[in-house]
């Protein structure tokens, strides 16, 4: 399994409910490395780029309106199999279908207010990380010879 980077965002409902620390803790406990973090207000332009694959779908305008409705916490996580690990920690899109023990299964109530977004694959991870972070915003170094994190 290779070392990957992936994008995760605590959406406005998670920030408003004060769940940022709880959500970060769940990824850290799985052994992922937080290499980028910022709280921000998403502009309409950024939201439309972020959700661009859904443009023209009936729920697109609602996605843009919600993600711009309050601050988010944008994160870049790194580790072996980070994309799949984050998706597993997050849980199914619908909280009703999400397993207990996942963020959405334990903490979310509604599919339209499901607390977090996570990249769904390698291509979206690269695209989303680059939308929210510049190269100087991310800090990490993985020593593959001894398989441990080295702080820079």
C-alpha atoms as a PDB file:
ATOM      1  CA  UNK A   1       0.000   0.000   0.000  1.00  0.00           C
ATOM      2  CA  UNK A   2       1.443   3.352  -1.000  1.00  0.00           C
ATOM      3  CA  UNK A   3       1.620   6.630   0.898  1.00  0.00           C
ATOM      4  CA  UNK A   4      -1.130   8.940  -0.351  1.00  0.00           C
ATOM      5  CA  UNK A   5      -2.507  12.372   0.332  1.00  0.00           C
ATOM      6  CA  UNK A   6      -6.216  13.083   0.455  1.00  0.00           C
ATOM      7  CA  UNK A   7      -8.561  15.989   1.104  1.00  0.00           C
ATOM      8  CA  UNK A   8     -11.097  16.092   3.925  1.00  0.00           C
ATOM      9  CA  UNK A   9     -13.275  19.051   4.906  1.00  0.00           C
ATOM     10  CA  UNK A  10     -15.358  19.556   8.015  1.00  0.00           C
ATOM     11  CA  UNK A  11     -18.442  21.164   6.510  1.00  0.00           C
ATOM     12  CA  UNK A  12     -20.249  24.173   8.007  1.00  0.00           C
ATOM     13  CA  UNK A  13     -22.554  21.971  10.108  1.00  0.00           C
ATOM     14  CA  UNK A  14     -19.588  20.204  11.734  1.00  0.00           C
ATOM     15  CA  UNK A  15     -17.850  23.509  12.470  1.00  0.00           C
ATOM     16  CA  UNK A  16     -21.055  25.011  13.865  1.00  0.00           C
ATOM     17  CA  UNK A  17     -21.628  21.980  16.116  1.00  0.00           C
ATOM     18  CA  UNK A  18     -18.080  22.166  17.493  1.00  0.00           C
ATOM     19  CA  UNK A  19     -17.044  18.761  16.148  1.00  0.00           C
ATOM     20  CA  UNK A  20     -13.732  19.738  14.510  1.00  0.00           C
ATOM     21  CA  UNK A  21     -11.567  18.300  17.299  1.00  0.00           C
ATOM     22  CA  UNK A  22     -13.568  15.069  17.447  1.00  0.00           C
ATOM     23  CA  UNK A  23     -13.293  14.625  13.684  1.00  0.00           C
ATOM     24  CA  UNK A  24      -9.549  15.332  13.580  1.00  0.00           C
ATOM     25  CA  UNK A  25      -9.014  12.921  16.456  1.00  0.00           C
ATOM     26  CA  UNK A  26     -10.627  10.057  14.561  1.00  0.00           C
ATOM     27  CA  UNK A  27      -8.181  10.391  11.653  1.00  0.00           C
ATOM     28  CA  UNK A  28      -5.197  10.772  13.979  1.00  0.00           C
ATOM     29  CA  UNK A  29      -6.190   7.654  15.909  1.00  0.00           C
ATOM     30  CA  UNK A  30      -6.102   5.702  12.649  1.00  0.00           C
ATOM     31  CA  UNK A  31      -2.462   6.714  12.188  1.00  0.00           C
ATOM     32  CA  UNK A  32      -2.856   9.340   9.483  1.00  0.00           C
ATOM     33  CA  UNK A  33      -0.648  12.426   9.435  1.00  0.00           C
ATOM     34  CA  UNK A  34      -2.283  15.866   9.236  1.00  0.00           C
ATOM     35  CA  UNK A  35      -0.119  17.761   6.738  1.00  0.00           C
ATOM     36  CA  UNK A  36      -2.417  20.700   5.923  1.00  0.00           C
ATOM     37  CA  UNK A  37      -5.083  22.500   7.952  1.00  0.00           C
ATOM     38  CA  UNK A  38      -6.986  25.752   7.565  1.00  0.00           C
ATOM     39  CA  UNK A  39     -10.312  27.219   8.579  1.00  0.00           C
ATOM     40  CA  UNK A  40     -11.821  29.245   5.787  1.00  0.00           C
ATOM     41  CA  UNK A  41     -14.926  30.620   4.178  1.00  0.00           C
ATOM     42  CA  UNK A  42     -15.470  28.962   0.781  1.00  0.00           C
ATOM     43  CA  UNK A  43     -16.256  31.385  -2.037  1.00  0.00           C
ATOM     44  CA  UNK A  44     -18.906  30.629  -4.648  1.00  0.00           C
ATOM     45  CA  UNK A  45     -16.175  30.269  -7.265  1.00  0.00           C
ATOM     46  CA  UNK A  46     -14.215  27.734  -5.197  1.00  0.00           C
ATOM     47  CA  UNK A  47     -17.394  25.827  -4.313  1.00  0.00           C
ATOM     48  CA  UNK A  48     -18.359  25.549  -7.987  1.00  0.00           C
ATOM     49  CA  UNK A  49     -14.876  24.257  -8.855  1.00  0.00           C
ATOM     50  CA  UNK A  50     -14.916  21.833  -5.949  1.00  0.00           C
ATOM     51  CA  UNK A  51     -18.305  20.387  -6.889  1.00  0.00           C
ATOM     52  CA  UNK A  52     -17.762  20.837 -10.645  1.00  0.00           C
ATOM     53  CA  UNK A  53     -18.423  17.175 -11.437  1.00  0.00           C
ATOM     54  CA  UNK A  54     -22.005  17.683 -10.210  1.00  0.00           C
ATOM     55  CA  UNK A  55     -22.730  20.800 -12.299  1.00  0.00           C
ATOM     56  CA  UNK A  56     -26.082  20.421 -14.041  1.00  0.00           C
ATOM     57  CA  UNK A  57     -27.412  17.933 -11.493  1.00  0.00           C
ATOM     58  CA  UNK A  58     -30.487  18.935  -9.482  1.00  0.00           C
ATOM     59  CA  UNK A  59     -28.577  19.045  -6.174  1.00  0.00           C
ATOM     60  CA  UNK A  60     -25.605  21.147  -7.425  1.00  0.00           C
ATOM     61  CA  UNK A  61     -26.982  24.533  -6.316  1.00  0.00           C
ATOM     62  CA  UNK A  62     -27.779  23.120  -2.864  1.00  0.00           C
ATOM     63  CA  UNK A  63     -24.219  21.788  -2.474  1.00  0.00           C
ATOM     64  CA  UNK A  64     -22.749  25.180  -3.367  1.00  0.00           C
ATOM     65  CA  UNK A  65     -25.170  27.059  -1.111  1.00  0.00           C
ATOM     66  CA  UNK A  66     -24.444  24.795   1.860  1.00  0.00           C
ATOM     67  CA  UNK A  67     -20.626  24.705   1.596  1.00  0.00           C
ATOM     68  CA  UNK A  68     -20.575  28.519   1.366  1.00  0.00           C
ATOM     69  CA  UNK A  69     -23.040  29.009   4.254  1.00  0.00           C
ATOM     70  CA  UNK A  70     -20.364  29.113   6.970  1.00  0.00           C
ATOM     71  CA  UNK A  71     -16.724  28.352   7.634  1.00  0.00           C
ATOM     72  CA  UNK A  72     -15.199  24.964   6.875  1.00  0.00           C
ATOM     73  CA  UNK A  73     -12.014  23.318   8.092  1.00  0.00           C
ATOM     74  CA  UNK A  74      -9.989  22.098   5.107  1.00  0.00           C
ATOM     75  CA  UNK A  75      -7.478  19.328   5.775  1.00  0.00           C
ATOM     76  CA  UNK A  76      -4.914  17.304   3.896  1.00  0.00           C
ATOM     77  CA  UNK A  77      -4.168  13.882   5.377  1.00  0.00           C
ATOM     78  CA  UNK A  78      -1.260  11.665   4.451  1.00  0.00           C
ATOM     79  CA  UNK A  79      -0.449   8.008   5.061  1.00  0.00           C
ATOM     80  CA  UNK A  80      -0.498   4.527   3.647  1.00  0.00           C
ATOM     81  CA  UNK A  81      -3.835   4.064   1.882  1.00  0.00           C
ATOM     82  CA  UNK A  82      -5.011   7.453   3.161  1.00  0.00           C
ATOM     83  CA  UNK A  83      -7.862   7.804   0.667  1.00  0.00           C
ATOM     84  CA  UNK A  84      -9.576   4.517   1.554  1.00  0.00           C
ATOM     85  CA  UNK A  85      -8.816   4.940   5.255  1.00  0.00           C
ATOM     86  CA  UNK A  86     -10.419   8.395   5.329  1.00  0.00           C
ATOM     87  CA  UNK A  87     -13.452   7.132   3.431  1.00  0.00           C
ATOM     88  CA  UNK A  88     -13.844   4.314   5.969  1.00  0.00           C
ATOM     89  CA  UNK A  89     -13.505   6.689   8.939  1.00  0.00           C
ATOM     90  CA  UNK A  90     -16.072   9.057   7.384  1.00  0.00           C
ATOM     91  CA  UNK A  91     -18.706   6.411   6.577  1.00  0.00           C
ATOM     92  CA  UNK A  92     -21.451   6.208   3.968  1.00  0.00           C
ATOM     93  CA  UNK A  93     -22.850   9.452   2.505  1.00  0.00           C
ATOM     94  CA  UNK A  94     -26.219   8.866   4.152  1.00  0.00           C
ATOM     95  CA  UNK A  95     -25.915   8.844   7.944  1.00  0.00           C
ATOM     96  CA  UNK A  96     -28.779   6.341   8.069  1.00  0.00           C
ATOM     97  CA  UNK A  97     -26.641   3.886   6.074  1.00  0.00           C
ATOM     98  CA  UNK A  98     -23.338   4.730   7.767  1.00  0.00           C
ATOM     99  CA  UNK A  99     -21.939   2.168  10.170  1.00  0.00           C
ATOM    100  CA  UNK A 100     -21.697   2.981  13.852  1.00  0.00           C
ATOM    101  CA  UNK A 101     -18.112   3.888  14.664  1.00  0.00           C
ATOM    102  CA  UNK A 102     -17.845   6.144  11.611  1.00  0.00           C
ATOM    103  CA  UNK A 103     -18.091   9.922  11.788  1.00  0.00           C
ATOM    104  CA  UNK A 104     -21.395  10.007   9.931  1.00  0.00           C
ATOM    105  CA  UNK A 105     -22.778   6.914  11.676  1.00  0.00           C
ATOM    106  CA  UNK A 106     -22.066   8.342  15.116  1.00  0.00           C
ATOM    107  CA  UNK A 107     -22.543  12.080  14.649  1.00  0.00           C
ATOM    108  CA  UNK A 108     -24.574  13.006  11.543  1.00  0.00           C
ATOM    109  CA  UNK A 109     -28.341  13.107  11.227  1.00  0.00           C
ATOM    110  CA  UNK A 110     -29.158  14.037   7.631  1.00  0.00           C
ATOM    111  CA  UNK A 111     -27.679  13.331   4.193  1.00  0.00           C
ATOM    112  CA  UNK A 112     -27.646  17.034   3.335  1.00  0.00           C
ATOM    113  CA  UNK A 113     -25.866  17.890   6.613  1.00  0.00           C
ATOM    114  CA  UNK A 114     -23.433  14.991   6.907  1.00  0.00           C
ATOM    115  CA  UNK A 115     -20.537  16.864   8.572  1.00  0.00           C
ATOM    116  CA  UNK A 116     -17.591  15.960   6.325  1.00  0.00           C
ATOM    117  CA  UNK A 117     -16.420  15.659   2.753  1.00  0.00           C
ATOM    118  CA  UNK A 118     -13.643  13.309   1.704  1.00  0.00           C
ATOM    119  CA  UNK A 119     -12.006  12.719  -1.661  1.00  0.00           C
ATOM    120  CA  UNK A 120     -13.386   9.603  -3.337  1.00  0.00           C
ATOM    121  CA  UNK A 121     -10.303   8.543  -5.299  1.00  0.00           C
ATOM    122  CA  UNK A 122      -6.749   9.412  -6.319  1.00  0.00           C
ATOM    123  CA  UNK A 123      -7.727  11.875  -9.064  1.00  0.00           C
ATOM    124  CA  UNK A 124     -10.212  13.776  -6.917  1.00  0.00           C
ATOM    125  CA  UNK A 125      -7.729  13.814  -4.023  1.00  0.00           C
ATOM    126  CA  UNK A 126      -5.067  15.507  -6.156  1.00  0.00           C
ATOM    127  CA  UNK A 127      -7.607  17.957  -7.597  1.00  0.00           C
ATOM    128  CA  UNK A 128      -9.212  18.831  -4.258  1.00  0.00           C
ATOM    129  CA  UNK A 129      -5.959  19.177  -2.317  1.00  0.00           C
ATOM    130  CA  UNK A 130      -4.674  21.548  -5.019  1.00  0.00           C
ATOM    131  CA  UNK A 131      -7.902  23.596  -4.911  1.00  0.00           C
ATOM    132  CA  UNK A 132      -7.620  24.243  -1.176  1.00  0.00           C
ATOM    133  CA  UNK A 133      -3.844  24.184  -0.560  1.00  0.00           C
ATOM    134  CA  UNK A 134      -0.762  25.516  -2.287  1.00  0.00           C
ATOM    135  CA  UNK A 135       2.466  23.502  -2.260  1.00  0.00           C
ATOM    136  CA  UNK A 136       3.892  25.630   0.564  1.00  0.00           C
ATOM    137  CA  UNK A 137       0.825  24.927   2.738  1.00  0.00           C
ATOM    138  CA  UNK A 138       1.639  21.227   3.228  1.00  0.00           C
ATOM    139  CA  UNK A 139       4.345  19.903   5.531  1.00  0.00           C
ATOM    140  CA  UNK A 140       5.538  16.299   5.864  1.00  0.00           C
ATOM    141  CA  UNK A 141       8.267  13.876   5.116  1.00  0.00           C
ATOM    142  CA  UNK A 142       7.935  10.113   5.104  1.00  0.00           C
ATOM    143  CA  UNK A 143      11.096   8.092   5.673  1.00  0.00           C
ATOM    144  CA  UNK A 144      10.372   4.955   3.638  1.00  0.00           C
ATOM    145  CA  UNK A 145      13.459   3.151   4.910  1.00  0.00           C
ATOM    146  CA  UNK A 146      12.251   3.058   8.490  1.00  0.00           C
ATOM    147  CA  UNK A 147       8.550   3.729   7.810  1.00  0.00           C
ATOM    148  CA  UNK A 148       7.979   6.567  10.229  1.00  0.00           C
ATOM    149  CA  UNK A 149       7.142  10.259  10.072  1.00  0.00           C
ATOM    150  CA  UNK A 150       9.905  12.806  10.354  1.00  0.00           C
ATOM    151  CA  UNK A 151       8.905  16.352  11.260  1.00  0.00           C
ATOM    152  CA  UNK A 152      10.456  19.029   9.071  1.00  0.00           C
END
